[in-house]
Protein backbone atom coordinates (compact mmCIF):
# COMPACT_ATOMS: atom_id res chain seq x y z
CA UNK A 1 -16.50 19.55 35.26
CA UNK A 2 -16.22 16.34 37.24
CA UNK A 3 -12.82 15.20 38.38
CA UNK A 4 -13.65 11.82 36.81
CA UNK A 5 -14.78 13.29 33.45
CA UNK A 6 -11.70 11.92 31.61
CA UNK A 7 -12.64 8.42 32.80
CA UNK A 8 -16.30 8.82 31.82
CA UNK A 9 -15.28 10.08 28.38
CA UNK A 10 -12.83 7.20 27.98
CA UNK A 11 -15.61 4.69 28.69
CA UNK A 12 -18.00 6.43 26.31
CA UNK A 13 -15.43 6.28 23.50
CA UNK A 14 -13.70 2.95 24.18
CA UNK A 15 -16.05 0.79 26.20
CA UNK A 16 -18.12 -2.03 24.81
CA UNK A 17 -21.12 -3.63 26.47
CA UNK A 18 -18.95 -4.03 29.55
CA UNK A 19 -15.50 -2.86 30.51
CA UNK A 20 -13.41 -3.95 33.47
CA UNK A 21 -10.61 -1.63 34.56
CA UNK A 22 -8.14 -2.03 37.39
CA UNK A 23 -7.76 0.73 39.96
CA UNK A 24 -4.34 1.43 38.42
CA UNK A 25 -5.84 1.83 34.93
CA UNK A 26 -8.58 4.10 36.30
CA UNK A 27 -5.99 6.26 38.03
CA UNK A 28 -3.95 6.53 34.82
CA UNK A 29 -6.98 7.47 32.71
CA UNK A 30 -8.47 9.90 35.24
CA UNK A 31 -5.10 11.38 36.13
CA UNK A 32 -5.73 11.13 39.86
CA UNK A 33 -5.81 8.48 42.56
CA UNK A 34 -9.08 6.62 43.04
CA UNK A 35 -10.51 7.14 46.52
CA UNK A 36 -13.78 6.85 48.43
CA UNK A 37 -15.18 9.89 46.59
CA UNK A 38 -15.47 7.63 43.52
CA UNK A 39 -18.62 6.20 45.11
CA UNK A 40 -20.21 9.65 45.09
CA UNK A 41 -19.10 10.54 41.56
CA UNK A 42 -20.08 7.23 39.93
CA UNK A 43 -23.70 8.35 39.53
CA UNK A 44 -22.50 10.89 36.91
CA UNK A 45 -21.59 8.00 34.65
CA UNK A 46 -25.20 7.39 33.57
CA UNK A 47 -25.05 10.61 31.53
CA UNK A 48 -22.33 8.88 29.47
CA UNK A 49 -24.39 5.72 28.92
CA UNK A 50 -22.74 3.50 31.54
CA UNK A 51 -23.14 2.40 35.12
CA UNK A 52 -20.84 0.86 37.69
CA UNK A 53 -21.84 -2.78 37.92
CA UNK A 54 -19.31 -4.08 40.44
CA UNK A 55 -16.44 -2.76 42.52
CA UNK A 56 -14.06 -5.48 43.66
CA UNK A 57 -11.69 -4.49 46.43
CA UNK A 58 -10.13 -7.95 46.35
CA UNK A 59 -9.30 -7.72 42.63
CA UNK A 60 -8.88 -3.94 42.81
CA UNK A 61 -11.07 -3.45 39.76
CA UNK A 62 -14.32 -1.87 38.62
CA UNK A 63 -16.76 -3.42 36.15
CA UNK A 64 -18.68 -0.91 34.04
CA UNK A 65 -21.83 -1.91 32.11
CA UNK A 66 -23.41 -0.09 29.19
CA UNK A 67 -26.97 1.03 29.88
CA UNK A 68 -29.57 -0.55 27.62
């Protein structure tokens, strides 16, 4: 099981066409701090019907897009 599985499941159940979450929200949902390993794990998200569209370090947020 992926350490980000709770986040992927959250997106699958609650996300729309797109969903923007702050780093703080991601940490609360996933139950762990977001770190550089997120970049490696994000490819798992396609199995849940989403992809990471944009990571903004300035805004400290991630934009997720539903796959078509």
